[in-house]
Amino acid sequence: MSEKGKGTFYGFAAYIFWSGLPFYWKLVPDVPAIEILCYRIVWSFIFMLLYIVISKKWTAFMEEIKTIFIDRKKLQVVILTSLLISINWFSFILSIGQKNVTEASLGYYINPLVNVLLATVFLREKLNRTGVIASLLAMLGVGQLIFQTGKIPWLAFTMALSFSLYGLLKKQVSISSYAALTLETFFTLPLALLYLIIFAKSGFMGYSVKIDFLLMGAGIVTAIPLLLFAESAKRISYILLGFIQYINPTLMLVWAVFVFHEPTSLNQFVAFGFIWLGILVFIYGSIKSYQKEQRYSRKI
């Protein structure tokens, strides 16, 4: 499988995994969002350390850590991504806690549009004609969704912007996915532990055995898709990654309507229809570009 093929596969896997997280967070409804965030940071860090030890990457990890702390640019990027992913986690958990999976879905529909904007401005990636049409269709759908809510969906915008900037920064420096995620949780670990020890409603790990185990598992369900996403971001264009991301909110919308029975309207589905049409146009354009590249390579 080519590197682009691997990147596409990792991207699909990451976003399908992410789409299932609302089910997980709904298993801990009595735990405040800020506590879930803190537990997510703590147990993600612990899980990553175990992963590094079990996979026998400790020596390579320590060598990479040294180079990161020597290289100011890399260190600054990791600190920024640590802040951005924490903001993204909190806004998503808060949205689920407010029983608004639909708004969380909207946030991740907006996300790829921000990806396209950042890619064209900062990475100089070019959109072909089908890419422009797809972006306009998706933008029209998102705009209609925002108009129908009658208010600015701040949580949705926060999720979109924080994760788009997170992904963009990940492409700026060469850092292994496991080292980056370990450091990202390490930098926010002291604040997370401090909050849990001093301010947590039931103290540190003071809930029932079932809830405590679910909070421990937050490290696993957090780390796996992020590792997949990081590997995907290294291998494919940021624009392609952005459109693959529509898998996540589409599945989340399905859960919101058919599983969690959140209120929806025909106008909302019309808006989503524009977004889905944009996705189909982009896929069509990608297939045509791939076929053109294959024909060109055969001639050479």
Protein backbone atom coordinates (compact mmCIF):
# COMPACT_ATOMS: atom_id res chain seq x y z
CA MET A 1 0.00 0.00 0.00
CA SER A 2 1.29 3.47 -0.90
CA GLU A 3 1.93 6.13 1.74
CA LYS A 4 -1.12 8.03 0.49
CA GLY A 5 -3.19 4.86 0.77
CA LYS A 6 -2.00 4.28 4.32
CA GLY A 7 -2.73 7.89 5.23
CA THR A 8 -6.25 7.62 3.82
CA PHE A 9 -6.88 4.37 5.73
CA TYR A 10 -5.58 5.86 9.00
CA GLY A 11 -7.77 8.92 8.46
CA PHE A 12 -10.91 6.81 7.93
CA ALA A 13 -10.12 4.72 11.01
CA ALA A 14 -9.51 7.78 13.21
CA TYR A 15 -12.73 9.55 12.26
CA ILE A 16 -14.91 6.43 12.55
CA PHE A 17 -13.45 5.87 16.02
CA TRP A 18 -14.09 9.50 17.00
CA SER A 19 -17.71 9.29 15.84
CA GLY A 20 -18.36 6.69 18.56
CA LEU A 21 -17.07 8.79 21.46
CA PRO A 22 -20.50 10.31 22.32
CA PHE A 23 -21.58 6.82 23.40
CA TYR A 24 -18.59 6.60 25.73
CA TRP A 25 -19.00 10.00 27.37
CA LYS A 26 -22.71 9.35 27.93
CA LEU A 27 -21.69 6.44 30.18
CA VAL A 28 -20.40 9.00 32.73
CA PRO A 29 -23.28 11.54 32.83
CA ASP A 30 -22.75 12.55 36.46
CA VAL A 31 -19.08 13.50 36.02
CA PRO A 32 -18.59 17.24 35.25
CA ALA A 33 -17.06 18.05 31.85
CA ILE A 34 -13.97 19.67 33.38
CA GLU A 35 -13.29 16.53 35.43
CA ILE A 36 -13.68 14.29 32.38
CA LEU A 37 -11.16 16.49 30.59
CA CYS A 38 -8.69 16.20 33.48
CA TYR A 39 -9.08 12.43 33.72
CA ARG A 40 -8.69 12.23 29.95
CA ILE A 41 -5.36 14.05 30.19
CA VAL A 42 -4.06 12.00 33.14
CA TRP A 43 -4.96 8.58 31.78
CA SER A 44 -3.92 9.43 28.22
CA PHE A 45 -0.46 10.29 29.54
CA ILE A 46 -0.28 7.04 31.54
CA PHE A 47 -1.53 5.00 28.58
CA MET A 48 1.08 6.54 26.29
CA LEU A 49 3.89 5.73 28.73
CA LEU A 50 2.70 2.11 28.88
CA TYR A 51 2.46 2.01 25.08
CA ILE A 52 6.04 3.29 24.71
CA VAL A 53 7.41 0.75 27.21
CA ILE A 54 5.46 -2.24 25.82
CA SER A 55 6.36 -1.39 22.21
CA LYS A 56 10.03 -1.06 23.25
CA LYS A 57 10.29 2.52 22.03
CA TRP A 58 11.57 4.01 25.28
CA THR A 59 15.14 4.64 24.08
CA ALA A 60 13.95 6.21 20.82
CA PHE A 61 11.38 8.21 22.77
CA MET A 62 13.97 9.68 25.16
CA GLU A 63 16.26 10.58 22.27
CA GLU A 64 13.40 12.35 20.51
CA ILE A 65 12.43 14.18 23.70
CA LYS A 66 15.97 15.55 23.97
CA THR A 67 15.89 16.86 20.40
CA ILE A 68 12.47 18.45 20.97
CA PHE A 69 13.61 20.34 24.06
CA ILE A 70 16.73 21.51 22.23
CA ASP A 71 14.74 22.66 19.18
CA ARG A 72 12.75 25.70 20.31
CA LYS A 73 10.40 25.58 17.31
CA LYS A 74 9.39 21.98 17.98
CA LEU A 75 8.92 22.67 21.66
CA GLN A 76 6.70 25.68 20.96
CA VAL A 77 4.60 23.65 18.52
CA VAL A 78 4.05 20.84 21.05
CA ILE A 79 3.05 23.33 23.77
CA LEU A 80 0.57 24.98 21.39
CA THR A 81 -0.89 21.66 20.24
CA SER A 82 -1.23 20.64 23.90
CA LEU A 83 -3.35 23.73 24.56
CA LEU A 84 -5.41 23.35 21.38
CA ILE A 85 -6.27 19.69 21.89
CA SER A 86 -7.30 20.38 25.50
CA ILE A 87 -9.66 23.13 24.31
CA ASN A 88 -11.07 20.79 21.67
CA TRP A 89 -11.63 17.97 24.16
CA PHE A 90 -13.36 20.23 26.66
CA SER A 91 -15.72 21.83 24.13
CA PHE A 92 -16.68 18.39 22.76
CA ILE A 93 -17.26 16.87 26.20
CA LEU A 94 -19.29 19.93 27.24
CA SER A 95 -21.44 19.61 24.13
CA ILE A 96 -22.17 15.94 24.82
CA GLY A 97 -22.86 16.72 28.48
CA GLN A 98 -25.44 19.29 27.38
CA LYS A 99 -27.12 16.54 25.31
CA ASN A 100 -26.33 18.34 22.09
CA VAL A 101 -24.64 15.79 19.84
CA THR A 102 -26.11 17.68 16.86
CA GLU A 103 -24.03 20.78 17.69
CA ALA A 104 -20.95 18.61 18.15
CA SER A 105 -21.69 17.22 14.70
CA LEU A 106 -21.99 20.76 13.33
CA GLY A 107 -18.61 21.63 14.83
CA TYR A 108 -16.95 18.83 12.91
CA TYR A 109 -18.81 19.76 9.73
CA ILE A 110 -17.34 23.27 10.01
CA ASN A 111 -13.87 21.85 10.74
CA PRO A 112 -13.01 20.71 7.18
CA LEU A 113 -13.94 24.13 5.82
CA VAL A 114 -11.45 25.68 8.20
CA ASN A 115 -8.94 23.01 7.11
CA VAL A 116 -9.34 24.04 3.48
CA LEU A 117 -8.89 27.71 4.37
CA LEU A 118 -5.77 27.04 6.43
CA ALA A 119 -4.32 24.71 3.78
CA THR A 120 -4.72 27.24 0.97
CA VAL A 121 -3.42 30.17 3.06
CA PHE A 122 -0.55 28.61 5.03
CA LEU A 123 0.39 25.42 3.14
CA ARG A 124 -0.17 26.82 -0.36
CA GLU A 125 -2.18 23.73 -1.31
CA LYS A 126 -4.25 24.41 -4.41
CA LEU A 127 -7.92 23.57 -4.89
CA ASN A 128 -8.95 22.29 -8.33
CA ARG A 129 -12.33 23.11 -9.84
CA THR A 130 -14.18 20.23 -8.19
CA GLY A 131 -12.53 21.15 -4.89
CA VAL A 132 -13.83 24.72 -5.15
CA ILE A 133 -17.35 23.50 -5.99
CA ALA A 134 -17.25 20.99 -3.13
CA SER A 135 -16.10 23.66 -0.68
CA LEU A 136 -18.83 26.08 -1.77
CA LEU A 137 -21.53 23.41 -1.42
CA ALA A 138 -20.29 22.42 2.02
CA MET A 139 -20.04 26.08 3.06
CA LEU A 140 -23.61 26.69 1.89
CA GLY A 141 -24.84 23.76 3.96
CA VAL A 142 -22.96 24.85 7.07
CA GLY A 143 -24.20 28.42 6.64
CA GLN A 144 -27.78 27.21 6.43
CA LEU A 145 -27.34 25.13 9.57
CA ILE A 146 -25.99 28.13 11.45
CA PHE A 147 -28.84 30.32 10.20
CA GLN A 148 -31.44 27.79 11.38
CA THR A 149 -30.13 27.70 14.94
CA GLY A 150 -30.83 31.40 15.37
CA LYS A 151 -27.66 31.81 17.43
CA ILE A 152 -23.91 31.56 17.06
CA PRO A 153 -22.90 27.97 17.92
CA TRP A 154 -19.83 28.85 19.96
CA LEU A 155 -19.03 25.28 20.99
CA ALA A 156 -19.17 24.13 17.36
CA PHE A 157 -16.87 26.94 16.21
CA THR A 158 -14.47 26.28 19.11
CA MET A 159 -14.26 22.59 18.21
CA ALA A 160 -13.68 23.38 14.54
CA LEU A 161 -11.02 26.05 14.94
CA SER A 162 -9.07 24.33 17.72
CA PHE A 163 -8.80 21.01 15.87
CA SER A 164 -8.01 22.62 12.51
CA LEU A 165 -5.15 24.59 14.04
CA TYR A 166 -4.04 21.45 15.89
CA GLY A 167 -3.81 19.49 12.64
CA LEU A 168 -2.06 22.34 10.82
CA LEU A 169 0.63 22.62 13.49
CA LYS A 170 1.15 18.83 13.40
CA LYS A 171 2.21 19.17 9.77
CA GLN A 172 4.76 21.89 10.52
CA VAL A 173 7.29 19.79 12.40
CA SER A 174 8.54 16.23 12.20
CA ILE A 175 7.68 14.55 15.51
CA SER A 176 6.60 10.94 15.97
CA SER A 177 2.91 10.63 16.82
CA TYR A 178 3.52 8.81 20.11
CA ALA A 179 6.12 11.31 21.34
CA ALA A 180 3.91 14.26 20.41
CA LEU A 181 0.83 12.90 22.19
CA THR A 182 2.84 11.97 25.29
CA LEU A 183 4.28 15.48 25.53
CA GLU A 184 0.93 17.11 24.77
CA THR A 185 -0.64 15.40 27.77
CA PHE A 186 2.49 15.89 29.88
CA PHE A 187 2.36 19.69 29.59
CA THR A 188 -1.25 19.84 30.85
CA LEU A 189 -0.83 17.02 33.38
CA PRO A 190 0.09 19.18 36.42
CA LEU A 191 -3.01 21.37 36.06
CA ALA A 192 -5.23 18.32 35.52
CA LEU A 193 -3.91 16.54 38.62
CA LEU A 194 -4.15 19.71 40.70
CA TYR A 195 -7.79 20.19 39.76
CA LEU A 196 -8.72 16.55 40.43
CA ILE A 197 -7.00 16.46 43.81
CA ILE A 198 -8.33 19.79 45.09
CA PHE A 199 -11.60 20.56 43.26
CA ALA A 200 -13.05 17.26 41.98
CA LYS A 201 -16.60 16.61 43.16
CA SER A 202 -15.82 13.15 44.54
CA GLY A 203 -12.07 13.53 44.97
CA PHE A 204 -9.50 11.81 42.79
CA MET A 205 -10.95 8.49 41.52
CA GLY A 206 -13.72 8.70 44.12
CA TYR A 207 -16.66 7.54 42.02
CA SER A 208 -18.00 3.99 41.79
CA VAL A 209 -15.72 1.22 40.53
CA LYS A 210 -17.54 1.22 37.18
CA ILE A 211 -17.22 4.99 36.66
CA ASP A 212 -13.57 4.99 37.77
CA PHE A 213 -12.75 2.27 35.24
CA LEU A 214 -14.55 4.20 32.50
CA LEU A 215 -12.55 7.31 33.39
CA MET A 216 -9.34 5.26 33.23
CA GLY A 217 -10.43 3.95 29.83
CA ALA A 218 -10.67 7.56 28.64
CA GLY A 219 -6.92 7.41 28.09
CA ILE A 220 -7.26 4.54 25.63
CA VAL A 221 -10.21 5.95 23.66
CA THR A 222 -8.39 9.28 23.47
CA ALA A 223 -4.96 8.05 22.41
CA ILE A 224 -5.88 5.54 19.70
CA PRO A 225 -7.69 7.91 17.27
CA LEU A 226 -5.17 10.70 17.88
CA LEU A 227 -2.31 8.37 16.97
CA LEU A 228 -4.17 7.33 13.81
CA PHE A 229 -4.89 10.97 12.95
CA ALA A 230 -1.25 11.97 13.42
CA GLU A 231 -0.08 9.18 11.09
CA SER A 232 -2.70 10.18 8.53
CA ALA A 233 -1.77 13.89 8.64
CA LYS A 234 1.84 13.01 7.77
CA ARG A 235 0.91 11.10 4.63
CA ILE A 236 -1.91 12.92 2.83
CA SER A 237 -2.75 16.50 1.89
CA TYR A 238 -4.50 18.60 4.48
CA ILE A 239 -7.40 19.24 2.10
CA LEU A 240 -7.97 15.49 1.56
CA LEU A 241 -7.74 14.92 5.30
CA GLY A 242 -10.30 17.66 5.82
CA PHE A 243 -12.88 16.03 3.60
CA ILE A 244 -12.33 12.56 5.06
CA GLN A 245 -13.23 14.22 8.34
CA TYR A 246 -16.87 14.50 7.22
CA ILE A 247 -17.25 10.83 8.15
CA ASN A 248 -17.12 11.77 11.83
CA PRO A 249 -19.93 14.37 11.96
CA THR A 250 -22.12 12.42 9.54
CA LEU A 251 -22.06 9.36 11.78
CA MET A 252 -22.53 11.58 14.85
CA LEU A 253 -25.59 13.10 13.21
CA VAL A 254 -26.96 9.60 12.67
CA TRP A 255 -26.45 8.83 16.37
CA ALA A 256 -28.06 12.15 17.38
CA VAL A 257 -31.20 11.50 15.30
CA PHE A 258 -31.73 7.76 15.52
CA VAL A 259 -30.06 6.79 18.82
CA PHE A 260 -30.24 9.85 21.09
CA HIS A 261 -33.47 11.15 19.48
CA GLU A 262 -32.46 14.80 19.45
CA PRO A 263 -34.97 17.14 17.71
CA THR A 264 -34.33 17.69 14.00
CA SER A 265 -36.16 19.30 11.09
CA LEU A 266 -36.48 18.91 7.34
CA ASN A 267 -34.55 22.17 6.85
CA GLN A 268 -31.61 20.68 8.75
CA PHE A 269 -31.53 17.67 6.45
CA VAL A 270 -31.64 19.97 3.41
CA ALA A 271 -28.59 21.77 4.81
CA PHE A 272 -26.80 18.49 5.47
CA GLY A 273 -27.73 17.50 1.90
CA PHE A 274 -25.59 20.35 0.54
CA ILE A 275 -22.68 19.14 2.67
CA TRP A 276 -23.05 15.54 1.53
CA LEU A 277 -23.28 16.67 -2.10
CA GLY A 278 -20.05 18.61 -1.59
CA ILE A 279 -18.39 15.46 -0.26
CA LEU A 280 -19.50 13.47 -3.32
CA VAL A 281 -18.17 16.17 -5.66
CA PHE A 282 -14.82 16.15 -3.85
CA ILE A 283 -14.59 12.34 -4.00
CA TYR A 284 -15.41 12.44 -7.72
CA GLY A 285 -12.67 15.03 -8.29
CA SER A 286 -10.16 13.01 -6.26
CA ILE A 287 -10.89 9.86 -8.29
CA LYS A 288 -10.48 11.75 -11.56
CA SER A 289 -7.18 13.27 -10.39
CA TYR A 290 -5.93 9.83 -9.33
CA GLN A 291 -6.85 8.30 -12.71
CA LYS A 292 -5.07 11.16 -14.48
CA GLU A 293 -1.93 10.63 -12.39
CA GLN A 294 -2.01 6.89 -13.16
CA ARG A 295 -2.29 7.50 -16.91
CA TYR A 296 0.58 9.99 -16.75
CA SER A 297 2.80 7.55 -14.82
CA ARG A 298 2.15 4.81 -17.37
CA LYS A 299 3.27 7.10 -20.21
CA ILE A 300 6.52 7.80 -18.37
